[in-house]
Amino acid sequence: MKLRVAATVLGAMAMALFAISPAQAAAKPYDHKDPYRTGCGNQAWAVKTGKIISQANGRVGTIKLMWSSKCKTNWIEIKLTSKPASMARGIIHVRTIDARHDSFSFKPGNHGRHWGNMLYAKNICAWGTTTVRWNGGRGAQKASGSAGACD
């Protein structure tokens, strides 16, 4: 009888540990989702702003680390100037201090305004970067920028 009770208790403990595994604990409701499709972008502002710089062309845009007070999330938005805006493609990255991250690839269009997906970041540090290329990146037609809270 004691053996059966001990086995039942051990089984229940194993189920409880499985239920709160690190993978499930790390899952956040808005991670990897579009801030505007979810409505999180409706109550958001730029926490940090940086420049997107090209060696050949100087400043070609702005990068912003956005914060949603509604959803407690961060994401990166960029706005490119008129020169590369209609031709640029690139990647937007966002990461948090607890090692979560997201990458979003964008194509030409949207008048040079692009944004990546969100990561839940209540009371933690977040950073983002972007790399941009136009005309295939030939002739130094590429740029990068970063913005972050806790820099």
C-alpha atoms as a PDB file:
ATOM      1  CA  MET A   1       0.000   0.000   0.000  1.00  0.00           C
ATOM      2  CA  LYS A   2       2.796   2.457   0.915  1.00  0.00           C
ATOM      3  CA  LEU A   3       4.508   1.675  -2.400  1.00  0.00           C
ATOM      4  CA  ARG A   4       1.321   2.493  -4.350  1.00  0.00           C
ATOM      5  CA  VAL A   5       0.903   5.824  -2.467  1.00  0.00           C
ATOM      6  CA  ALA A   6       4.564   6.709  -3.054  1.00  0.00           C
ATOM      7  CA  ALA A   7       4.222   5.927  -6.787  1.00  0.00           C
ATOM      8  CA  THR A   8       1.065   8.058  -6.990  1.00  0.00           C
ATOM      9  CA  VAL A   9       2.763  10.977  -5.215  1.00  0.00           C
ATOM     10  CA  LEU A  10       5.834  10.727  -7.473  1.00  0.00           C
ATOM     11  CA  GLY A  11       3.610  10.597 -10.532  1.00  0.00           C
ATOM     12  CA  ALA A  12       1.711  13.684  -9.412  1.00  0.00           C
ATOM     13  CA  MET A  13       4.982  15.540  -8.757  1.00  0.00           C
ATOM     14  CA  ALA A  14       6.285  14.617 -12.205  1.00  0.00           C
ATOM     15  CA  MET A  15       3.071  15.891 -13.813  1.00  0.00           C
ATOM     16  CA  ALA A  16       3.320  19.159 -11.863  1.00  0.00           C
ATOM     17  CA  LEU A  17       6.935  19.676 -12.957  1.00  0.00           C
ATOM     18  CA  PHE A  18       5.999  18.963 -16.563  1.00  0.00           C
ATOM     19  CA  ALA A  19       3.118  21.449 -16.345  1.00  0.00           C
ATOM     20  CA  ILE A  20       5.505  24.264 -15.362  1.00  0.00           C
ATOM     21  CA  SER A  21       8.423  23.340 -17.599  1.00  0.00           C
ATOM     22  CA  PRO A  22      10.769  26.184 -18.652  1.00  0.00           C
ATOM     23  CA  ALA A  23       9.486  26.058 -22.226  1.00  0.00           C
ATOM     24  CA  GLN A  24       5.948  26.746 -21.084  1.00  0.00           C
ATOM     25  CA  ALA A  25       7.055  29.302 -18.517  1.00  0.00           C
ATOM     26  CA  ALA A  26       8.902  31.223 -21.255  1.00  0.00           C
ATOM     27  CA  ALA A  27       5.893  31.323 -23.601  1.00  0.00           C
ATOM     28  CA  LYS A  28       4.357  34.807 -23.718  1.00  0.00           C
ATOM     29  CA  PRO A  29       0.989  35.614 -25.292  1.00  0.00           C
ATOM     30  CA  TYR A  30       2.160  38.290 -27.760  1.00  0.00           C
ATOM     31  CA  ASP A  31       5.591  36.920 -28.687  1.00  0.00           C
ATOM     32  CA  HIS A  32       6.179  36.804 -32.463  1.00  0.00           C
ATOM     33  CA  LYS A  33       2.899  38.564 -33.344  1.00  0.00           C
ATOM     34  CA  ASP A  34       2.219  41.704 -35.398  1.00  0.00           C
ATOM     35  CA  PRO A  35       1.681  44.711 -33.097  1.00  0.00           C
ATOM     36  CA  TYR A  36      -0.938  46.297 -35.347  1.00  0.00           C
ATOM     37  CA  ARG A  37      -2.976  43.189 -36.122  1.00  0.00           C
ATOM     38  CA  THR A  38      -3.277  42.484 -32.385  1.00  0.00           C
ATOM     39  CA  GLY A  39      -4.167  46.081 -31.466  1.00  0.00           C
ATOM     40  CA  CYS A  40      -1.043  46.463 -29.330  1.00  0.00           C
ATOM     41  CA  GLY A  41       0.269  49.218 -31.602  1.00  0.00           C
ATOM     42  CA  ASN A  42      -2.722  51.440 -30.840  1.00  0.00           C
ATOM     43  CA  GLN A  43      -1.315  52.420 -27.436  1.00  0.00           C
ATOM     44  CA  ALA A  44       2.397  52.511 -28.183  1.00  0.00           C
ATOM     45  CA  TRP A  45       5.255  54.977 -28.286  1.00  0.00           C
ATOM     46  CA  ALA A  46       8.963  55.041 -29.087  1.00  0.00           C
ATOM     47  CA  VAL A  47      11.116  54.296 -26.050  1.00  0.00           C
ATOM     48  CA  LYS A  48      14.400  54.821 -27.892  1.00  0.00           C
ATOM     49  CA  THR A  49      15.224  56.147 -31.343  1.00  0.00           C
ATOM     50  CA  GLY A  50      18.363  55.704 -33.405  1.00  0.00           C
ATOM     51  CA  LYS A  51      19.707  56.435 -36.864  1.00  0.00           C
ATOM     52  CA  ILE A  52      19.993  54.021 -39.767  1.00  0.00           C
ATOM     53  CA  ILE A  53      23.360  54.853 -41.300  1.00  0.00           C
ATOM     54  CA  SER A  54      24.973  53.956 -44.623  1.00  0.00           C
ATOM     55  CA  GLN A  55      28.727  54.430 -45.097  1.00  0.00           C
ATOM     56  CA  ALA A  56      28.170  55.808 -48.581  1.00  0.00           C
ATOM     57  CA  ASN A  57      24.970  57.798 -48.045  1.00  0.00           C
ATOM     58  CA  GLY A  58      24.949  58.845 -44.396  1.00  0.00           C
ATOM     59  CA  ARG A  59      21.629  58.770 -42.580  1.00  0.00           C
ATOM     60  CA  VAL A  60      18.985  56.877 -44.559  1.00  0.00           C
ATOM     61  CA  GLY A  61      16.347  56.393 -41.897  1.00  0.00           C
ATOM     62  CA  THR A  62      15.249  56.041 -38.298  1.00  0.00           C
ATOM     63  CA  ILE A  63      14.916  52.965 -36.077  1.00  0.00           C
ATOM     64  CA  LYS A  64      12.632  52.964 -33.037  1.00  0.00           C
ATOM     65  CA  LEU A  65      12.246  50.582 -30.132  1.00  0.00           C
ATOM     66  CA  MET A  66       8.492  50.664 -29.555  1.00  0.00           C
ATOM     67  CA  TRP A  67       6.625  49.909 -26.313  1.00  0.00           C
ATOM     68  CA  SER A  68       2.957  48.999 -25.921  1.00  0.00           C
ATOM     69  CA  SER A  69       1.519  49.861 -22.522  1.00  0.00           C
ATOM     70  CA  LYS A  70      -1.573  47.834 -23.427  1.00  0.00           C
ATOM     71  CA  CYS A  71       0.275  44.579 -24.204  1.00  0.00           C
ATOM     72  CA  LYS A  72       3.564  45.113 -22.308  1.00  0.00           C
ATOM     73  CA  THR A  73       5.571  44.384 -25.465  1.00  0.00           C
ATOM     74  CA  ASN A  74       8.473  45.791 -27.460  1.00  0.00           C
ATOM     75  CA  TRP A  75       9.138  45.690 -31.191  1.00  0.00           C
ATOM     76  CA  ILE A  76      11.237  47.561 -33.722  1.00  0.00           C
ATOM     77  CA  GLU A  77       9.911  49.995 -36.323  1.00  0.00           C
ATOM     78  CA  ILE A  78      11.925  51.644 -39.064  1.00  0.00           C
ATOM     79  CA  LYS A  79      11.246  54.529 -41.421  1.00  0.00           C
ATOM     80  CA  LEU A  80      13.544  54.907 -44.405  1.00  0.00           C
ATOM     81  CA  THR A  81      14.162  58.183 -46.218  1.00  0.00           C
ATOM     82  CA  SER A  82      13.042  58.680 -49.779  1.00  0.00           C
ATOM     83  CA  LYS A  83      16.308  57.520 -51.368  1.00  0.00           C
ATOM     84  CA  PRO A  84      16.176  53.815 -50.387  1.00  0.00           C
ATOM     85  CA  ALA A  85      12.549  53.691 -49.185  1.00  0.00           C
ATOM     86  CA  SER A  86      10.961  52.373 -52.365  1.00  0.00           C
ATOM     87  CA  MET A  87      13.707  49.824 -53.109  1.00  0.00           C
ATOM     88  CA  ALA A  88      14.907  48.597 -49.724  1.00  0.00           C
ATOM     89  CA  ARG A  89      14.647  45.149 -48.235  1.00  0.00           C
ATOM     90  CA  GLY A  90      16.107  43.953 -44.995  1.00  0.00           C
ATOM     91  CA  ILE A  91      15.766  42.320 -41.615  1.00  0.00           C
ATOM     92  CA  ILE A  92      14.464  43.660 -38.317  1.00  0.00           C
ATOM     93  CA  HIS A  93      15.610  41.955 -35.100  1.00  0.00           C
ATOM     94  CA  VAL A  94      14.347  42.395 -31.552  1.00  0.00           C
ATOM     95  CA  ARG A  95      15.630  40.623 -28.443  1.00  0.00           C
ATOM     96  CA  THR A  96      15.114  40.719 -24.704  1.00  0.00           C
ATOM     97  CA  ILE A  97      17.512  40.258 -21.838  1.00  0.00           C
ATOM     98  CA  ASP A  98      15.937  36.876 -21.041  1.00  0.00           C
ATOM     99  CA  ALA A  99      17.207  35.539 -24.406  1.00  0.00           C
ATOM    100  CA  ARG A 100      13.978  35.655 -26.416  1.00  0.00           C
ATOM    101  CA  HIS A 101      14.311  37.057 -29.926  1.00  0.00           C
ATOM    102  CA  ASP A 102      12.487  37.538 -33.198  1.00  0.00           C
ATOM    103  CA  SER A 103      13.592  38.327 -36.758  1.00  0.00           C
ATOM    104  CA  PHE A 104      11.366  39.767 -39.452  1.00  0.00           C
ATOM    105  CA  SER A 105      12.274  40.139 -43.135  1.00  0.00           C
ATOM    106  CA  PHE A 106      10.747  42.997 -45.082  1.00  0.00           C
ATOM    107  CA  LYS A 107      10.517  43.714 -48.794  1.00  0.00           C
ATOM    108  CA  PRO A 108      10.310  46.983 -50.734  1.00  0.00           C
ATOM    109  CA  GLY A 109       7.088  48.882 -50.249  1.00  0.00           C
ATOM    110  CA  ASN A 110       4.962  50.491 -47.559  1.00  0.00           C
ATOM    111  CA  HIS A 111       6.661  53.852 -48.283  1.00  0.00           C
ATOM    112  CA  GLY A 112       9.736  52.729 -46.321  1.00  0.00           C
ATOM    113  CA  ARG A 113       7.895  52.094 -43.040  1.00  0.00           C
ATOM    114  CA  HIS A 114       8.376  48.599 -41.640  1.00  0.00           C
ATOM    115  CA  TRP A 115       8.032  46.889 -38.274  1.00  0.00           C
ATOM    116  CA  GLY A 116       8.848  43.548 -36.783  1.00  0.00           C
ATOM    117  CA  ASN A 117       6.988  41.257 -34.445  1.00  0.00           C
ATOM    118  CA  MET A 118       6.621  41.797 -30.708  1.00  0.00           C
ATOM    119  CA  LEU A 119       8.199  40.269 -27.638  1.00  0.00           C
ATOM    120  CA  TYR A 120       6.682  40.512 -24.165  1.00  0.00           C
ATOM    121  CA  ALA A 121       9.049  42.692 -22.158  1.00  0.00           C
ATOM    122  CA  LYS A 122       7.416  43.982 -18.989  1.00  0.00           C
ATOM    123  CA  ASN A 123      10.126  45.351 -16.667  1.00  0.00           C
ATOM    124  CA  ILE A 124      13.024  43.922 -18.690  1.00  0.00           C
ATOM    125  CA  CYS A 125      15.534  45.291 -21.182  1.00  0.00           C
ATOM    126  CA  ALA A 126      14.994  45.036 -24.935  1.00  0.00           C
ATOM    127  CA  TRP A 127      17.078  45.933 -27.976  1.00  0.00           C
ATOM    128  CA  GLY A 128      16.650  45.917 -31.700  1.00  0.00           C
ATOM    129  CA  THR A 129      18.642  46.215 -34.895  1.00  0.00           C
ATOM    130  CA  THR A 130      18.015  46.457 -38.587  1.00  0.00           C
ATOM    131  CA  THR A 131      20.024  45.869 -41.725  1.00  0.00           C
ATOM    132  CA  VAL A 132      18.835  47.386 -44.982  1.00  0.00           C
ATOM    133  CA  ARG A 133      19.927  46.885 -48.611  1.00  0.00           C
ATOM    134  CA  TRP A 134      18.828  48.486 -51.840  1.00  0.00           C
ATOM    135  CA  ASN A 135      19.949  47.883 -55.428  1.00  0.00           C
ATOM    136  CA  GLY A 136      21.284  44.520 -54.280  1.00  0.00           C
ATOM    137  CA  GLY A 137      23.608  46.196 -51.780  1.00  0.00           C
ATOM    138  CA  ARG A 138      26.079  47.029 -54.557  1.00  0.00           C
ATOM    139  CA  GLY A 139      28.195  50.128 -54.223  1.00  0.00           C
ATOM    140  CA  ALA A 140      27.755  50.277 -50.458  1.00  0.00           C
ATOM    141  CA  GLN A 141      24.003  50.629 -50.835  1.00  0.00           C
ATOM    142  CA  LYS A 142      23.342  49.128 -47.446  1.00  0.00           C
ATOM    143  CA  ALA A 143      22.785  50.482 -43.968  1.00  0.00           C
ATOM    144  CA  SER A 144      22.234  49.446 -40.375  1.00  0.00           C
ATOM    145  CA  GLY A 145      20.942  50.862 -37.111  1.00  0.00           C
ATOM    146  CA  SER A 146      20.081  49.937 -33.540  1.00  0.00           C
ATOM    147  CA  ALA A 147      17.981  51.117 -30.606  1.00  0.00           C
ATOM    148  CA  GLY A 148      17.544  49.719 -27.140  1.00  0.00           C
ATOM    149  CA  ALA A 149      16.417  50.273 -23.597  1.00  0.00           C
ATOM    150  CA  CYS A 150      19.167  49.543 -21.065  1.00  0.00           C
ATOM    151  CA  ASP A 151      21.947  50.581 -23.488  1.00  0.00           C
END
